[in-house]
Amino acid sequence: MFLDPIDRRILQVLQRDGGIQNADLASRVGLSPSPCLRRVKRLKESGMIARYVALLDPGKLGLSLTVFARVWLTGQDEETVVPFVEAVQKLPEIVECCMMAGDCDFILRIVARDLDDYRQFQAQHLGRIRGVRNIKTEIPLQINKRTTEIPLR
């Protein structure tokens, strides 16, 4: 799907404020409300806009610790990887899971109340997933950038 400059502006605004009213969105991108609404509908139907969500502050919800767990599996075959991914999908503490090329098999971003909470999660859940051979946890000291915005050029 071709994106003209107005489509790009719509997407930029929606990435920053998915709950913006159509009239305000139209005003910010230089359209009247009806054509703006049609464009947004087209962007949704094309899959460019996958969904709308509310971004929550983990710290204000008592989840002040974010860790990155590097996971090595016993194998990279389908019989090992598929059950691991299915188990990860069921654990809400794991907010991101990426299969990796390189040193480890997966990197997980995990939220927890504190270090003890994470330690218990690792021992009771993550470490018990069938096929997990090794876990190394990285604890960020400071988060300098976190965004959900995709660059639109």
N, C-alpha and C. Protein backbone atom coordinates (compact mmCIF):
# COMPACT_ATOMS: atom_id res chain seq x y z
N MET A 1 0.84 -1.18 0.00
CA MET A 1 0.00 0.00 0.00
C MET A 1 0.89 1.24 0.00
N PHE A 2 0.59 2.16 -0.88
CA PHE A 2 1.34 3.42 -0.97
C PHE A 2 0.89 4.37 0.13
N LEU A 3 1.85 4.97 0.82
CA LEU A 3 1.55 5.96 1.85
C LEU A 3 1.96 7.34 1.35
N ASP A 4 0.97 8.23 1.22
CA ASP A 4 1.31 9.60 0.85
C ASP A 4 1.65 10.37 2.12
N PRO A 5 2.10 11.63 2.00
CA PRO A 5 2.49 12.38 3.20
C PRO A 5 1.37 12.54 4.24
N ILE A 6 0.13 12.63 3.80
CA ILE A 6 -0.98 12.77 4.75
C ILE A 6 -1.17 11.46 5.53
N ASP A 7 -1.09 10.32 4.84
CA ASP A 7 -1.17 9.03 5.53
C ASP A 7 -0.08 8.93 6.58
N ARG A 8 1.12 9.35 6.23
CA ARG A 8 2.25 9.29 7.16
C ARG A 8 1.99 10.18 8.38
N ARG A 9 1.44 11.37 8.15
CA ARG A 9 1.13 12.27 9.27
C ARG A 9 0.06 11.66 10.16
N ILE A 10 -0.95 11.04 9.55
CA ILE A 10 -2.00 10.37 10.33
C ILE A 10 -1.37 9.30 11.22
N LEU A 11 -0.51 8.47 10.64
CA LEU A 11 0.12 7.40 11.40
C LEU A 11 1.02 7.95 12.51
N GLN A 12 1.74 9.03 12.23
CA GLN A 12 2.59 9.63 13.25
C GLN A 12 1.77 10.13 14.43
N VAL A 13 0.67 10.81 14.15
CA VAL A 13 -0.19 11.32 15.23
C VAL A 13 -0.80 10.17 16.00
N LEU A 14 -1.30 9.16 15.31
CA LEU A 14 -1.94 8.02 16.00
C LEU A 14 -0.95 7.22 16.84
N GLN A 15 0.31 7.18 16.42
CA GLN A 15 1.30 6.48 17.24
C GLN A 15 1.52 7.18 18.58
N ARG A 16 1.37 8.48 18.58
CA ARG A 16 1.57 9.25 19.82
C ARG A 16 0.30 9.32 20.65
N ASP A 17 -0.86 9.27 19.98
CA ASP A 17 -2.14 9.39 20.69
C ASP A 17 -3.20 8.61 19.94
N GLY A 18 -3.28 7.32 20.24
CA GLY A 18 -4.24 6.45 19.56
C GLY A 18 -5.68 6.74 19.91
N GLY A 19 -5.90 7.50 20.98
CA GLY A 19 -7.26 7.82 21.39
C GLY A 19 -7.74 9.18 20.93
N ILE A 20 -7.00 9.82 20.05
CA ILE A 20 -7.37 11.15 19.56
C ILE A 20 -8.71 11.09 18.82
N GLN A 21 -9.52 12.08 19.03
CA GLN A 21 -10.80 12.16 18.32
C GLN A 21 -10.54 12.46 16.84
N ASN A 22 -11.39 11.93 15.98
CA ASN A 22 -11.22 12.11 14.54
C ASN A 22 -11.15 13.58 14.15
N ALA A 23 -11.99 14.43 14.74
CA ALA A 23 -11.98 15.86 14.38
C ALA A 23 -10.63 16.48 14.71
N ASP A 24 -10.05 16.12 15.86
CA ASP A 24 -8.74 16.65 16.24
C ASP A 24 -7.64 16.11 15.32
N LEU A 25 -7.73 14.82 14.99
CA LEU A 25 -6.77 14.22 14.08
C LEU A 25 -6.84 14.91 12.73
N ALA A 26 -8.03 15.10 12.22
CA ALA A 26 -8.21 15.76 10.92
C ALA A 26 -7.60 17.14 10.94
N SER A 27 -7.83 17.89 11.99
CA SER A 27 -7.27 19.23 12.11
C SER A 27 -5.74 19.19 12.12
N ARG A 28 -5.17 18.24 12.83
CA ARG A 28 -3.70 18.16 12.94
C ARG A 28 -3.03 17.75 11.64
N VAL A 29 -3.74 17.01 10.79
CA VAL A 29 -3.12 16.57 9.53
C VAL A 29 -3.59 17.39 8.33
N GLY A 30 -4.47 18.35 8.56
CA GLY A 30 -4.90 19.24 7.47
C GLY A 30 -5.98 18.68 6.58
N LEU A 31 -6.90 17.91 7.15
CA LEU A 31 -8.02 17.36 6.39
C LEU A 31 -9.32 17.73 7.09
N SER A 32 -10.43 17.56 6.37
CA SER A 32 -11.72 17.64 7.04
C SER A 32 -12.01 16.26 7.64
N PRO A 33 -12.92 16.17 8.61
CA PRO A 33 -13.14 14.90 9.31
C PRO A 33 -13.51 13.70 8.44
N SER A 34 -14.38 13.88 7.45
CA SER A 34 -14.81 12.72 6.65
C SER A 34 -13.67 12.06 5.88
N PRO A 35 -12.88 12.83 5.11
CA PRO A 35 -11.76 12.18 4.42
C PRO A 35 -10.73 11.58 5.38
N CYS A 36 -10.56 12.22 6.53
CA CYS A 36 -9.62 11.69 7.52
C CYS A 36 -10.10 10.33 8.01
N LEU A 37 -11.38 10.24 8.34
CA LEU A 37 -11.95 8.98 8.81
C LEU A 37 -11.82 7.89 7.75
N ARG A 38 -12.04 8.24 6.48
CA ARG A 38 -11.89 7.26 5.40
C ARG A 38 -10.45 6.75 5.32
N ARG A 39 -9.50 7.65 5.47
CA ARG A 39 -8.09 7.26 5.41
C ARG A 39 -7.74 6.34 6.58
N VAL A 40 -8.19 6.69 7.77
CA VAL A 40 -7.91 5.84 8.94
C VAL A 40 -8.52 4.46 8.73
N LYS A 41 -9.74 4.41 8.22
CA LYS A 41 -10.39 3.12 7.96
C LYS A 41 -9.58 2.31 6.95
N ARG A 42 -9.09 2.96 5.91
CA ARG A 42 -8.28 2.28 4.89
C ARG A 42 -6.96 1.77 5.51
N LEU A 43 -6.35 2.58 6.37
CA LEU A 43 -5.11 2.15 7.03
C LEU A 43 -5.35 0.95 7.95
N LYS A 44 -6.50 0.92 8.60
CA LYS A 44 -6.86 -0.24 9.45
C LYS A 44 -7.08 -1.47 8.58
N GLU A 45 -7.87 -1.32 7.52
CA GLU A 45 -8.20 -2.45 6.66
C GLU A 45 -6.97 -3.03 5.98
N SER A 46 -5.98 -2.18 5.69
CA SER A 46 -4.76 -2.66 5.04
C SER A 46 -3.83 -3.35 6.03
N GLY A 47 -4.09 -3.20 7.31
CA GLY A 47 -3.23 -3.79 8.33
C GLY A 47 -2.12 -2.88 8.79
N MET A 48 -2.01 -1.69 8.21
CA MET A 48 -0.98 -0.74 8.67
C MET A 48 -1.21 -0.39 10.14
N ILE A 49 -2.46 -0.20 10.52
CA ILE A 49 -2.82 -0.02 11.92
C ILE A 49 -3.29 -1.38 12.40
N ALA A 50 -2.47 -2.01 13.23
CA ALA A 50 -2.79 -3.37 13.68
C ALA A 50 -3.84 -3.36 14.78
N ARG A 51 -3.72 -2.42 15.73
CA ARG A 51 -4.67 -2.33 16.83
C ARG A 51 -4.36 -1.09 17.64
N TYR A 52 -5.26 -0.75 18.54
CA TYR A 52 -5.07 0.35 19.48
C TYR A 52 -4.91 -0.23 20.87
N VAL A 53 -3.99 0.34 21.65
CA VAL A 53 -3.77 -0.13 23.01
C VAL A 53 -3.54 1.06 23.93
N ALA A 54 -3.67 0.83 25.22
CA ALA A 54 -3.28 1.80 26.23
C ALA A 54 -1.91 1.39 26.74
N LEU A 55 -0.96 2.31 26.76
CA LEU A 55 0.37 2.01 27.29
C LEU A 55 0.38 2.33 28.77
N LEU A 56 0.64 1.32 29.58
CA LEU A 56 0.60 1.47 31.02
C LEU A 56 2.00 1.71 31.58
N ASP A 57 2.07 2.38 32.71
CA ASP A 57 3.34 2.62 33.40
C ASP A 57 3.57 1.48 34.37
N PRO A 58 4.51 0.57 34.08
CA PRO A 58 4.71 -0.60 34.95
C PRO A 58 5.05 -0.21 36.38
N GLY A 59 5.84 0.82 36.57
CA GLY A 59 6.23 1.24 37.91
C GLY A 59 5.05 1.65 38.75
N LYS A 60 4.10 2.34 38.16
CA LYS A 60 2.91 2.78 38.90
C LYS A 60 1.98 1.61 39.19
N LEU A 61 2.20 0.49 38.52
CA LEU A 61 1.41 -0.71 38.76
C LEU A 61 2.15 -1.71 39.66
N GLY A 62 3.25 -1.24 40.26
CA GLY A 62 4.01 -2.09 41.17
C GLY A 62 5.01 -3.00 40.49
N LEU A 63 5.25 -2.81 39.20
CA LEU A 63 6.20 -3.64 38.46
C LEU A 63 7.41 -2.78 38.10
N SER A 64 8.22 -2.46 39.10
CA SER A 64 9.29 -1.49 38.91
C SER A 64 10.57 -2.08 38.34
N LEU A 65 10.64 -3.39 38.20
CA LEU A 65 11.85 -4.02 37.67
C LEU A 65 11.58 -4.59 36.28
N THR A 66 12.46 -4.27 35.35
CA THR A 66 12.47 -4.88 34.02
C THR A 66 13.79 -5.61 33.88
N VAL A 67 13.75 -6.85 33.46
CA VAL A 67 14.97 -7.61 33.20
C VAL A 67 14.91 -8.18 31.79
N PHE A 68 16.09 -8.49 31.28
CA PHE A 68 16.20 -9.17 30.01
C PHE A 68 16.84 -10.53 30.30
N ALA A 69 16.15 -11.58 29.93
CA ALA A 69 16.66 -12.92 30.15
C ALA A 69 17.09 -13.51 28.81
N ARG A 70 18.34 -13.90 28.74
CA ARG A 70 18.84 -14.61 27.56
C ARG A 70 18.66 -16.10 27.84
N VAL A 71 18.01 -16.78 26.92
CA VAL A 71 17.66 -18.19 27.13
C VAL A 71 18.30 -19.06 26.06
N TRP A 72 18.91 -20.13 26.52
CA TRP A 72 19.45 -21.15 25.63
C TRP A 72 18.60 -22.39 25.81
N LEU A 73 18.21 -22.98 24.70
CA LEU A 73 17.41 -24.21 24.74
C LEU A 73 18.30 -25.42 24.51
N THR A 74 17.76 -26.60 24.80
CA THR A 74 18.51 -27.84 24.59
C THR A 74 18.66 -28.16 23.10
N GLY A 75 17.82 -27.56 22.27
CA GLY A 75 17.90 -27.76 20.83
C GLY A 75 17.12 -26.67 20.12
N GLN A 76 17.34 -26.57 18.83
CA GLN A 76 16.62 -25.56 18.06
C GLN A 76 15.62 -26.22 17.11
N ASP A 77 15.29 -27.46 17.39
CA ASP A 77 14.34 -28.19 16.57
C ASP A 77 12.91 -27.77 16.95
N GLU A 78 11.98 -28.09 16.09
CA GLU A 78 10.58 -27.70 16.29
C GLU A 78 10.00 -28.29 17.58
N GLU A 79 10.42 -29.49 17.93
CA GLU A 79 9.90 -30.14 19.13
C GLU A 79 10.33 -29.43 20.41
N THR A 80 11.38 -28.63 20.35
CA THR A 80 11.86 -27.86 21.51
C THR A 80 11.35 -26.43 21.46
N VAL A 81 11.44 -25.79 20.30
CA VAL A 81 11.11 -24.37 20.17
C VAL A 81 9.61 -24.12 20.33
N VAL A 82 8.77 -24.90 19.67
CA VAL A 82 7.33 -24.65 19.70
C VAL A 82 6.77 -24.73 21.12
N PRO A 83 7.07 -25.77 21.91
CA PRO A 83 6.55 -25.79 23.28
C PRO A 83 7.09 -24.64 24.14
N PHE A 84 8.34 -24.24 23.88
CA PHE A 84 8.90 -23.11 24.63
C PHE A 84 8.11 -21.84 24.33
N VAL A 85 7.87 -21.56 23.07
CA VAL A 85 7.13 -20.35 22.68
C VAL A 85 5.71 -20.41 23.23
N GLU A 86 5.07 -21.56 23.17
CA GLU A 86 3.71 -21.70 23.72
C GLU A 86 3.69 -21.44 25.22
N ALA A 87 4.70 -21.91 25.95
CA ALA A 87 4.78 -21.69 27.39
C ALA A 87 5.00 -20.21 27.70
N VAL A 88 5.85 -19.56 26.93
CA VAL A 88 6.13 -18.13 27.11
C VAL A 88 4.86 -17.31 26.89
N GLN A 89 4.07 -17.69 25.90
CA GLN A 89 2.82 -16.96 25.60
C GLN A 89 1.87 -16.95 26.80
N LYS A 90 1.96 -17.95 27.66
CA LYS A 90 1.05 -18.07 28.80
C LYS A 90 1.52 -17.32 30.04
N LEU A 91 2.72 -16.75 29.99
CA LEU A 91 3.29 -16.08 31.17
C LEU A 91 3.22 -14.56 30.98
N PRO A 92 2.28 -13.88 31.64
CA PRO A 92 2.10 -12.44 31.41
C PRO A 92 3.29 -11.59 31.85
N GLU A 93 4.13 -12.12 32.73
CA GLU A 93 5.32 -11.37 33.16
C GLU A 93 6.29 -11.16 32.00
N ILE A 94 6.25 -12.06 31.02
CA ILE A 94 7.10 -11.93 29.83
C ILE A 94 6.35 -11.05 28.84
N VAL A 95 6.85 -9.84 28.66
CA VAL A 95 6.14 -8.88 27.81
C VAL A 95 6.72 -8.80 26.40
N GLU A 96 7.85 -9.44 26.18
CA GLU A 96 8.42 -9.50 24.84
C GLU A 96 9.30 -10.73 24.74
N CYS A 97 9.23 -11.40 23.60
CA CYS A 97 10.00 -12.62 23.37
C CYS A 97 10.52 -12.59 21.94
N CYS A 98 11.83 -12.66 21.80
CA CYS A 98 12.44 -12.62 20.46
C CYS A 98 13.35 -13.82 20.27
N MET A 99 13.12 -14.58 19.19
CA MET A 99 14.06 -15.63 18.81
C MET A 99 15.27 -14.93 18.19
N MET A 100 16.45 -15.39 18.56
CA MET A 100 17.66 -14.70 18.16
C MET A 100 18.53 -15.54 17.23
N ALA A 101 19.27 -14.85 16.40
CA ALA A 101 20.40 -15.45 15.69
C ALA A 101 21.63 -15.04 16.49
N GLY A 102 22.54 -15.93 16.70
CA GLY A 102 23.73 -15.56 17.46
C GLY A 102 23.90 -16.41 18.71
N ASP A 103 24.34 -15.77 19.77
CA ASP A 103 24.77 -16.46 20.98
C ASP A 103 23.67 -17.26 21.67
N CYS A 104 22.54 -16.62 21.98
CA CYS A 104 21.46 -17.31 22.69
C CYS A 104 20.32 -17.61 21.72
N ASP A 105 19.37 -18.40 22.20
CA ASP A 105 18.23 -18.76 21.35
C ASP A 105 17.10 -17.73 21.42
N PHE A 106 16.85 -17.19 22.63
CA PHE A 106 15.77 -16.22 22.82
C PHE A 106 16.22 -15.13 23.78
N ILE A 107 15.67 -13.94 23.59
CA ILE A 107 15.77 -12.88 24.59
C ILE A 107 14.36 -12.54 25.01
N LEU A 108 14.16 -12.49 26.33
CA LEU A 108 12.85 -12.18 26.90
C LEU A 108 12.95 -10.88 27.68
N ARG A 109 11.95 -10.02 27.54
CA ARG A 109 11.83 -8.84 28.41
C ARG A 109 10.75 -9.19 29.42
N ILE A 110 11.10 -9.08 30.69
CA ILE A 110 10.24 -9.54 31.78
C ILE A 110 10.06 -8.41 32.79
N VAL A 111 8.84 -8.23 33.26
CA VAL A 111 8.58 -7.24 34.31
C VAL A 111 8.26 -7.97 35.61
N ALA A 112 8.71 -7.35 36.72
CA ALA A 112 8.50 -7.94 38.04
C ALA A 112 8.43 -6.82 39.07
N ARG A 113 7.94 -7.18 40.26
CA ARG A 113 7.87 -6.18 41.34
C ARG A 113 9.27 -5.76 41.78
N ASP A 114 10.13 -6.74 41.96
CA ASP A 114 11.49 -6.47 42.44
C ASP A 114 12.35 -7.68 42.10
N LEU A 115 13.60 -7.65 42.54
CA LEU A 115 14.53 -8.73 42.20
C LEU A 115 14.10 -10.07 42.79
N ASP A 116 13.58 -10.06 44.00
CA ASP A 116 13.13 -11.31 44.60
C ASP A 116 11.94 -11.89 43.83
N ASP A 117 11.03 -11.03 43.41
CA ASP A 117 9.88 -11.47 42.62
C ASP A 117 10.36 -12.11 41.32
N TYR A 118 11.35 -11.50 40.66
CA TYR A 118 11.89 -12.07 39.43
C TYR A 118 12.56 -13.42 39.71
N ARG A 119 13.35 -13.48 40.79
CA ARG A 119 14.04 -14.71 41.13
C ARG A 119 13.04 -15.85 41.29
N GLN A 120 11.93 -15.57 41.97
CA GLN A 120 10.90 -16.59 42.15
C GLN A 120 10.26 -16.96 40.82
N PHE A 121 10.00 -15.97 39.97
CA PHE A 121 9.43 -16.24 38.65
C PHE A 121 10.36 -17.13 37.84
N GLN A 122 11.66 -16.82 37.87
CA GLN A 122 12.62 -17.62 37.12
C GLN A 122 12.65 -19.06 37.63
N ALA A 123 12.67 -19.22 38.94
CA ALA A 123 12.76 -20.57 39.52
C ALA A 123 11.47 -21.36 39.34
N GLN A 124 10.33 -20.71 39.50
CA GLN A 124 9.06 -21.44 39.49
C GLN A 124 8.44 -21.58 38.11
N HIS A 125 8.81 -20.71 37.19
CA HIS A 125 8.15 -20.74 35.87
C HIS A 125 9.16 -20.86 34.73
N LEU A 126 9.99 -19.84 34.56
CA LEU A 126 10.87 -19.80 33.40
C LEU A 126 11.83 -20.99 33.37
N GLY A 127 12.45 -21.28 34.48
CA GLY A 127 13.41 -22.38 34.53
C GLY A 127 12.79 -23.75 34.41
N ARG A 128 11.48 -23.84 34.58
CA ARG A 128 10.80 -25.13 34.49
C ARG A 128 10.21 -25.42 33.11
N ILE A 129 10.35 -24.50 32.20
CA ILE A 129 9.85 -24.75 30.84
C ILE A 129 10.71 -25.84 30.22
N ARG A 130 10.05 -26.84 29.69
CA ARG A 130 10.76 -27.96 29.07
C ARG A 130 11.65 -27.44 27.93
N GLY A 131 12.87 -27.90 27.92
CA GLY A 131 13.81 -27.53 26.86
C GLY A 131 14.73 -26.37 27.22
N VAL A 132 14.50 -25.71 28.35
CA VAL A 132 15.38 -24.61 28.75
C VAL A 132 16.66 -25.21 29.33
N ARG A 133 17.79 -24.88 28.74
CA ARG A 133 19.09 -25.38 29.18
C ARG A 133 19.79 -24.39 30.10
N ASN A 134 19.68 -23.08 29.76
CA ASN A 134 20.42 -22.08 30.52
C ASN A 134 19.70 -20.74 30.41
N ILE A 135 19.78 -19.94 31.49
CA ILE A 135 19.20 -18.60 31.51
C ILE A 135 20.24 -17.66 32.09
N LYS A 136 20.48 -16.57 31.41
CA LYS A 136 21.34 -15.50 31.94
C LYS A 136 20.50 -14.24 31.97
N THR A 137 20.47 -13.60 33.13
CA THR A 137 19.62 -12.43 33.32
C THR A 137 20.46 -11.16 33.26
N GLU A 138 19.99 -10.20 32.48
CA GLU A 138 20.62 -8.88 32.38
C GLU A 138 19.67 -7.89 33.04
N ILE A 139 20.21 -7.06 33.93
CA ILE A 139 19.39 -6.07 34.65
C ILE A 139 19.82 -4.68 34.21
N PRO A 140 18.96 -3.97 33.51
CA PRO A 140 19.34 -2.61 33.10
C PRO A 140 19.39 -1.68 34.31
N LEU A 141 20.42 -0.84 34.34
CA LEU A 141 20.55 0.13 35.41
C LEU A 141 19.72 1.38 35.15
N GLN A 142 19.51 1.67 33.89
CA GLN A 142 18.76 2.87 33.51
C GLN A 142 18.17 2.63 32.13
N ILE A 143 16.93 3.05 31.93
CA ILE A 143 16.31 2.96 30.61
C ILE A 143 16.37 4.34 30.00
N ASN A 144 17.12 4.48 28.92
CA ASN A 144 17.33 5.78 28.30
C ASN A 144 16.36 6.07 27.18
N LYS A 145 15.78 5.04 26.62
CA LYS A 145 14.79 5.25 25.56
C LYS A 145 13.86 4.05 25.53
N ARG A 146 12.58 4.32 25.47
CA ARG A 146 11.58 3.28 25.28
C ARG A 146 10.47 3.91 24.46
N THR A 147 10.20 3.35 23.33
CA THR A 147 9.14 3.88 22.47
C THR A 147 8.44 2.75 21.76
N THR A 148 7.23 3.03 21.36
CA THR A 148 6.49 2.09 20.52
C THR A 148 6.34 2.66 19.11
N GLU A 149 6.87 3.87 18.90
CA GLU A 149 6.72 4.53 17.60
C GLU A 149 7.65 3.93 16.55
N ILE A 150 7.08 3.66 15.39
CA ILE A 150 7.83 3.17 14.24
C ILE A 150 8.21 4.39 13.42
N PRO A 151 9.49 4.52 13.01
CA PRO A 151 9.87 5.67 12.20
C PRO A 151 9.22 5.61 10.83
N LEU A 152 8.62 6.72 10.44
CA LEU A 152 7.96 6.80 9.13
C LEU A 152 8.73 7.80 8.28
N ARG A 153 9.32 7.31 7.22
CA ARG A 153 10.14 8.17 6.35
C ARG A 153 9.52 8.30 5.00
